[in-house]
Amino acid sequence: MNIGKLYQVKKYYWFLYPSKDVAAHVATLRDPDFNVADSFAAIPTTAPIATAVVATAATARYCSKYFNCNVNVSYISPKSIFVFLEQDEKVIKVLTTNGEVGWIYLAELYKNDIEEITV
């Protein structure tokens, strides 16, 4: 990814964390049976759109409480555009078209869902 470039989400809902520390912590979450971090990175839209939105909003609320965030965890919807501002290992700082600044955990499993665009 290139700083200052525009990127678009293809088909997943990506969680937007309020700080680099929270996003970096998410990247470290592991369970013996599955990668918990991927569950807190993005949610696919394989379910009907209304179901995916409800699941994403509920998970964002859960994350806000779980990580004791002063600012709530939000999310970036499919087809949304953002500007890439900064990267620290597996977390990236973005500015959304809604004016939100936050951090995304760029999970290996889902990273191909984000593509650079030109206008």
N, C-alpha and C. Protein backbone atom coordinates (compact mmCIF):
# COMPACT_ATOMS: atom_id res chain seq x y z
N MET A 1 0.84 -1.18 0.00
CA MET A 1 0.00 0.00 0.00
C MET A 1 0.89 1.24 0.00
N ASN A 2 0.38 2.29 -0.57
CA ASN A 2 1.15 3.53 -0.71
C ASN A 2 0.48 4.68 0.04
N ILE A 3 1.25 5.34 0.87
CA ILE A 3 0.74 6.48 1.65
C ILE A 3 0.21 7.55 0.71
N GLY A 4 -0.97 8.09 1.07
CA GLY A 4 -1.58 9.17 0.31
C GLY A 4 -2.46 8.70 -0.85
N LYS A 5 -2.45 7.42 -1.13
CA LYS A 5 -3.25 6.87 -2.24
C LYS A 5 -4.66 6.51 -1.76
N LEU A 6 -5.59 6.48 -2.73
CA LEU A 6 -6.97 6.08 -2.45
C LEU A 6 -7.11 4.57 -2.60
N TYR A 7 -7.89 3.98 -1.69
CA TYR A 7 -8.16 2.55 -1.73
C TYR A 7 -9.66 2.33 -1.56
N GLN A 8 -10.13 1.22 -2.14
CA GLN A 8 -11.54 0.89 -2.02
C GLN A 8 -11.68 -0.53 -1.48
N VAL A 9 -12.64 -0.69 -0.58
CA VAL A 9 -13.00 -2.00 -0.05
C VAL A 9 -13.92 -2.67 -1.07
N LYS A 10 -13.66 -3.92 -1.38
CA LYS A 10 -14.48 -4.62 -2.38
C LYS A 10 -15.77 -5.18 -1.77
N LYS A 11 -15.64 -6.16 -0.84
CA LYS A 11 -16.86 -6.84 -0.39
C LYS A 11 -16.93 -7.15 1.10
N TYR A 12 -15.97 -6.72 1.90
CA TYR A 12 -16.02 -6.99 3.33
C TYR A 12 -16.31 -5.72 4.12
N TYR A 13 -16.77 -5.92 5.34
CA TYR A 13 -16.90 -4.83 6.31
C TYR A 13 -15.63 -4.88 7.16
N TRP A 14 -14.88 -3.78 7.17
CA TRP A 14 -13.62 -3.71 7.92
C TRP A 14 -13.83 -2.91 9.19
N PHE A 15 -13.33 -3.44 10.32
CA PHE A 15 -13.43 -2.71 11.59
C PHE A 15 -12.41 -1.58 11.62
N LEU A 16 -12.87 -0.43 12.07
CA LEU A 16 -12.03 0.76 12.16
C LEU A 16 -11.82 1.05 13.64
N TYR A 17 -10.61 0.78 14.12
CA TYR A 17 -10.29 0.93 15.53
C TYR A 17 -9.81 2.35 15.82
N PRO A 18 -10.15 2.88 17.01
CA PRO A 18 -9.85 4.28 17.31
C PRO A 18 -8.37 4.58 17.57
N SER A 19 -7.57 3.55 17.81
CA SER A 19 -6.15 3.81 18.07
C SER A 19 -5.28 2.69 17.50
N LYS A 20 -4.04 3.02 17.28
CA LYS A 20 -3.07 2.04 16.79
C LYS A 20 -2.88 0.94 17.83
N ASP A 21 -2.89 1.30 19.11
CA ASP A 21 -2.69 0.30 20.17
C ASP A 21 -3.77 -0.77 20.15
N VAL A 22 -5.01 -0.36 19.99
CA VAL A 22 -6.11 -1.33 19.96
C VAL A 22 -6.00 -2.21 18.72
N ALA A 23 -5.77 -1.61 17.56
CA ALA A 23 -5.65 -2.39 16.33
C ALA A 23 -4.47 -3.36 16.41
N ALA A 24 -3.36 -2.92 16.97
CA ALA A 24 -2.18 -3.78 17.11
C ALA A 24 -2.47 -4.93 18.09
N HIS A 25 -3.24 -4.65 19.13
CA HIS A 25 -3.62 -5.70 20.08
C HIS A 25 -4.49 -6.75 19.39
N VAL A 26 -5.42 -6.30 18.57
CA VAL A 26 -6.28 -7.22 17.82
C VAL A 26 -5.42 -8.17 17.00
N ALA A 27 -4.37 -7.65 16.39
CA ALA A 27 -3.50 -8.46 15.53
C ALA A 27 -2.81 -9.58 16.30
N THR A 28 -2.73 -9.48 17.62
CA THR A 28 -2.05 -10.51 18.42
C THR A 28 -2.98 -11.58 18.97
N LEU A 29 -4.28 -11.41 18.81
CA LEU A 29 -5.24 -12.35 19.40
C LEU A 29 -5.17 -13.70 18.70
N ARG A 30 -4.99 -14.74 19.47
CA ARG A 30 -4.92 -16.10 18.93
C ARG A 30 -5.68 -17.04 19.86
N ASP A 31 -6.15 -18.12 19.27
CA ASP A 31 -6.83 -19.18 19.99
C ASP A 31 -6.26 -20.47 19.43
N PRO A 32 -6.17 -21.53 20.22
CA PRO A 32 -5.60 -22.78 19.68
C PRO A 32 -6.36 -23.31 18.47
N ASP A 33 -7.65 -23.02 18.38
CA ASP A 33 -8.46 -23.59 17.30
C ASP A 33 -8.62 -22.69 16.07
N PHE A 34 -8.50 -21.38 16.25
CA PHE A 34 -8.64 -20.49 15.09
C PHE A 34 -8.01 -19.14 15.39
N ASN A 35 -7.84 -18.35 14.34
CA ASN A 35 -7.22 -17.04 14.46
C ASN A 35 -8.29 -16.02 14.84
N VAL A 36 -8.36 -15.68 16.11
CA VAL A 36 -9.35 -14.73 16.60
C VAL A 36 -9.18 -13.38 15.94
N ALA A 37 -7.96 -12.99 15.66
CA ALA A 37 -7.68 -11.68 15.07
C ALA A 37 -8.44 -11.49 13.77
N ASP A 38 -8.49 -12.52 12.94
CA ASP A 38 -9.21 -12.41 11.67
C ASP A 38 -10.69 -12.11 11.89
N SER A 39 -11.25 -12.63 12.97
CA SER A 39 -12.66 -12.38 13.28
C SER A 39 -12.90 -10.92 13.63
N PHE A 40 -11.88 -10.24 14.13
CA PHE A 40 -12.00 -8.84 14.49
C PHE A 40 -11.35 -7.91 13.46
N ALA A 41 -11.07 -8.44 12.28
CA ALA A 41 -10.51 -7.63 11.20
C ALA A 41 -11.61 -7.22 10.23
N ALA A 42 -12.34 -8.22 9.73
CA ALA A 42 -13.36 -7.95 8.71
C ALA A 42 -14.44 -9.01 8.77
N ILE A 43 -15.61 -8.65 8.26
CA ILE A 43 -16.74 -9.58 8.17
C ILE A 43 -17.16 -9.65 6.71
N PRO A 44 -17.21 -10.88 6.15
CA PRO A 44 -17.62 -11.02 4.76
C PRO A 44 -19.11 -10.73 4.57
N THR A 45 -19.48 -10.38 3.38
CA THR A 45 -20.88 -10.08 3.08
C THR A 45 -21.55 -11.26 2.39
N THR A 46 -21.19 -12.47 2.79
CA THR A 46 -21.79 -13.64 2.19
C THR A 46 -23.24 -13.82 2.65
N ALA A 47 -23.56 -13.30 3.81
CA ALA A 47 -24.94 -13.34 4.31
C ALA A 47 -25.73 -12.24 3.60
N PRO A 48 -27.06 -12.29 3.70
CA PRO A 48 -27.83 -11.17 3.15
C PRO A 48 -27.34 -9.85 3.75
N ILE A 49 -27.37 -8.79 2.97
CA ILE A 49 -26.78 -7.51 3.36
C ILE A 49 -27.29 -7.02 4.72
N ALA A 50 -28.58 -7.16 5.00
CA ALA A 50 -29.11 -6.70 6.28
C ALA A 50 -28.50 -7.49 7.43
N THR A 51 -28.32 -8.78 7.25
CA THR A 51 -27.72 -9.63 8.28
C THR A 51 -26.26 -9.24 8.49
N ALA A 52 -25.54 -8.98 7.42
CA ALA A 52 -24.13 -8.60 7.53
C ALA A 52 -23.98 -7.27 8.26
N VAL A 53 -24.85 -6.31 7.98
CA VAL A 53 -24.77 -5.00 8.66
C VAL A 53 -25.05 -5.16 10.14
N VAL A 54 -26.07 -5.92 10.50
CA VAL A 54 -26.40 -6.13 11.91
C VAL A 54 -25.25 -6.84 12.63
N ALA A 55 -24.70 -7.88 12.02
CA ALA A 55 -23.58 -8.61 12.63
C ALA A 55 -22.36 -7.72 12.79
N THR A 56 -22.08 -6.90 11.80
CA THR A 56 -20.93 -5.99 11.86
C THR A 56 -21.12 -4.95 12.95
N ALA A 57 -22.29 -4.33 13.01
CA ALA A 57 -22.56 -3.32 14.04
C ALA A 57 -22.49 -3.92 15.44
N ALA A 58 -23.03 -5.12 15.60
CA ALA A 58 -23.00 -5.79 16.91
C ALA A 58 -21.56 -6.12 17.31
N THR A 59 -20.78 -6.61 16.37
CA THR A 59 -19.38 -6.93 16.66
C THR A 59 -18.59 -5.67 16.99
N ALA A 60 -18.86 -4.58 16.29
CA ALA A 60 -18.17 -3.31 16.59
C ALA A 60 -18.50 -2.84 18.00
N ARG A 61 -19.77 -2.96 18.40
CA ARG A 61 -20.16 -2.59 19.78
C ARG A 61 -19.45 -3.49 20.79
N TYR A 62 -19.41 -4.78 20.50
CA TYR A 62 -18.73 -5.72 21.38
C TYR A 62 -17.25 -5.36 21.52
N CYS A 63 -16.59 -5.08 20.40
CA CYS A 63 -15.17 -4.71 20.41
C CYS A 63 -14.94 -3.44 21.23
N SER A 64 -15.83 -2.48 21.09
CA SER A 64 -15.70 -1.22 21.83
C SER A 64 -15.68 -1.49 23.32
N LYS A 65 -16.56 -2.38 23.78
CA LYS A 65 -16.62 -2.71 25.21
C LYS A 65 -15.45 -3.60 25.61
N TYR A 66 -15.16 -4.61 24.79
CA TYR A 66 -14.10 -5.56 25.10
C TYR A 66 -12.75 -4.87 25.25
N PHE A 67 -12.45 -3.94 24.34
CA PHE A 67 -11.17 -3.25 24.36
C PHE A 67 -11.22 -1.95 25.17
N ASN A 68 -12.37 -1.69 25.80
CA ASN A 68 -12.54 -0.53 26.67
C ASN A 68 -12.14 0.77 25.95
N CYS A 69 -12.68 0.94 24.75
CA CYS A 69 -12.34 2.09 23.91
C CYS A 69 -13.07 3.35 24.37
N ASN A 70 -12.36 4.45 24.43
CA ASN A 70 -12.99 5.74 24.72
C ASN A 70 -13.84 6.19 23.54
N VAL A 71 -13.39 5.89 22.35
CA VAL A 71 -14.13 6.17 21.12
C VAL A 71 -14.55 4.82 20.56
N ASN A 72 -15.81 4.69 20.16
CA ASN A 72 -16.32 3.40 19.69
C ASN A 72 -15.62 2.91 18.44
N VAL A 73 -15.52 1.60 18.35
CA VAL A 73 -15.05 0.96 17.13
C VAL A 73 -16.15 1.14 16.09
N SER A 74 -15.78 1.51 14.89
CA SER A 74 -16.75 1.63 13.81
C SER A 74 -16.33 0.67 12.70
N TYR A 75 -16.87 0.86 11.51
CA TYR A 75 -16.50 -0.03 10.42
C TYR A 75 -16.61 0.70 9.09
N ILE A 76 -15.90 0.14 8.11
CA ILE A 76 -15.93 0.64 6.74
C ILE A 76 -16.72 -0.38 5.92
N SER A 77 -17.71 0.08 5.21
CA SER A 77 -18.59 -0.80 4.43
C SER A 77 -18.00 -1.14 3.06
N PRO A 78 -18.50 -2.23 2.46
CA PRO A 78 -18.08 -2.55 1.09
C PRO A 78 -18.31 -1.38 0.15
N LYS A 79 -17.43 -1.24 -0.81
CA LYS A 79 -17.44 -0.18 -1.83
C LYS A 79 -17.00 1.17 -1.27
N SER A 80 -16.65 1.23 0.02
CA SER A 80 -16.19 2.49 0.61
C SER A 80 -14.76 2.80 0.17
N ILE A 81 -14.44 4.08 0.17
CA ILE A 81 -13.12 4.55 -0.24
C ILE A 81 -12.46 5.21 0.96
N PHE A 82 -11.14 5.03 1.06
CA PHE A 82 -10.38 5.69 2.12
C PHE A 82 -9.00 6.07 1.60
N VAL A 83 -8.34 6.96 2.33
CA VAL A 83 -6.97 7.35 2.03
C VAL A 83 -6.06 6.64 3.03
N PHE A 84 -5.02 6.04 2.54
CA PHE A 84 -4.03 5.36 3.38
C PHE A 84 -3.07 6.41 3.93
N LEU A 85 -2.97 6.50 5.27
CA LEU A 85 -2.15 7.53 5.90
C LEU A 85 -0.84 7.04 6.49
N GLU A 86 -0.85 5.83 7.05
CA GLU A 86 0.33 5.36 7.79
C GLU A 86 0.22 3.85 7.97
N GLN A 87 1.37 3.18 8.15
CA GLN A 87 1.35 1.74 8.43
C GLN A 87 2.36 1.42 9.51
N ASP A 88 1.97 0.52 10.40
CA ASP A 88 2.88 0.00 11.43
C ASP A 88 2.65 -1.51 11.47
N GLU A 89 3.53 -2.23 10.81
CA GLU A 89 3.42 -3.68 10.66
C GLU A 89 2.09 -4.05 10.03
N LYS A 90 1.19 -4.71 10.77
CA LYS A 90 -0.06 -5.20 10.19
C LYS A 90 -1.25 -4.27 10.41
N VAL A 91 -1.02 -3.08 10.89
CA VAL A 91 -2.12 -2.13 11.09
C VAL A 91 -1.89 -0.89 10.25
N ILE A 92 -2.98 -0.36 9.69
CA ILE A 92 -2.86 0.83 8.85
C ILE A 92 -3.81 1.91 9.35
N LYS A 93 -3.35 3.14 9.23
CA LYS A 93 -4.17 4.30 9.60
C LYS A 93 -4.81 4.83 8.33
N VAL A 94 -6.13 5.11 8.43
CA VAL A 94 -6.87 5.56 7.25
C VAL A 94 -7.75 6.75 7.58
N LEU A 95 -8.10 7.48 6.54
CA LEU A 95 -9.08 8.56 6.60
C LEU A 95 -10.19 8.16 5.64
N THR A 96 -11.42 8.02 6.18
CA THR A 96 -12.54 7.59 5.35
C THR A 96 -13.19 8.80 4.68
N THR A 97 -14.05 8.53 3.71
CA THR A 97 -14.78 9.60 3.04
C THR A 97 -15.80 10.25 3.98
N ASN A 98 -16.09 9.61 5.11
CA ASN A 98 -16.97 10.19 6.12
C ASN A 98 -16.21 11.06 7.11
N GLY A 99 -14.91 11.20 6.91
CA GLY A 99 -14.09 12.03 7.79
C GLY A 99 -13.58 11.33 9.04
N GLU A 100 -13.77 10.03 9.11
CA GLU A 100 -13.28 9.27 10.26
C GLU A 100 -11.82 8.89 10.05
N VAL A 101 -11.04 9.04 11.12
CA VAL A 101 -9.65 8.59 11.11
C VAL A 101 -9.56 7.43 12.09
N GLY A 102 -8.97 6.34 11.65
CA GLY A 102 -8.85 5.18 12.52
C GLY A 102 -7.85 4.19 11.96
N TRP A 103 -7.77 3.05 12.63
CA TRP A 103 -6.80 2.03 12.31
C TRP A 103 -7.49 0.72 11.94
N ILE A 104 -6.99 0.07 10.92
CA ILE A 104 -7.49 -1.22 10.46
C ILE A 104 -6.40 -2.26 10.69
N TYR A 105 -6.81 -3.43 11.18
CA TYR A 105 -5.89 -4.57 11.23
C TYR A 105 -5.97 -5.23 9.87
N LEU A 106 -4.90 -5.24 9.13
CA LEU A 106 -4.85 -5.76 7.77
C LEU A 106 -4.55 -7.26 7.80
N ALA A 107 -5.58 -8.05 8.05
CA ALA A 107 -5.45 -9.51 8.17
C ALA A 107 -5.04 -10.11 6.83
N GLU A 108 -4.11 -11.03 6.87
CA GLU A 108 -3.65 -11.72 5.65
C GLU A 108 -4.81 -12.35 4.90
N LEU A 109 -5.73 -12.93 5.64
CA LEU A 109 -6.86 -13.63 5.05
C LEU A 109 -7.71 -12.73 4.16
N TYR A 110 -7.81 -11.44 4.50
CA TYR A 110 -8.72 -10.54 3.80
C TYR A 110 -8.03 -9.42 3.01
N LYS A 111 -6.71 -9.32 3.07
CA LYS A 111 -6.04 -8.14 2.52
C LYS A 111 -6.27 -7.92 1.02
N ASN A 112 -6.60 -8.96 0.27
CA ASN A 112 -6.88 -8.79 -1.16
C ASN A 112 -8.22 -8.12 -1.41
N ASP A 113 -8.97 -7.86 -0.34
CA ASP A 113 -10.27 -7.18 -0.46
C ASP A 113 -10.10 -5.68 -0.62
N ILE A 114 -8.91 -5.17 -0.42
CA ILE A 114 -8.66 -3.74 -0.53
C ILE A 114 -7.80 -3.49 -1.75
N GLU A 115 -8.27 -2.60 -2.64
CA GLU A 115 -7.52 -2.34 -3.87
C GLU A 115 -7.31 -0.84 -4.07
N GLU A 116 -6.17 -0.49 -4.63
CA GLU A 116 -5.88 0.90 -4.94
C GLU A 116 -6.74 1.33 -6.12
N ILE A 117 -7.22 2.57 -6.04
CA ILE A 117 -8.04 3.11 -7.14
C ILE A 117 -7.47 4.45 -7.58
N THR A 118 -7.85 4.86 -8.76
CA THR A 118 -7.51 6.19 -9.27
C THR A 118 -8.79 6.90 -9.65
N VAL A 119 -8.78 8.20 -9.52
CA VAL A 119 -9.99 8.98 -9.89
C VAL A 119 -9.66 9.98 -10.97
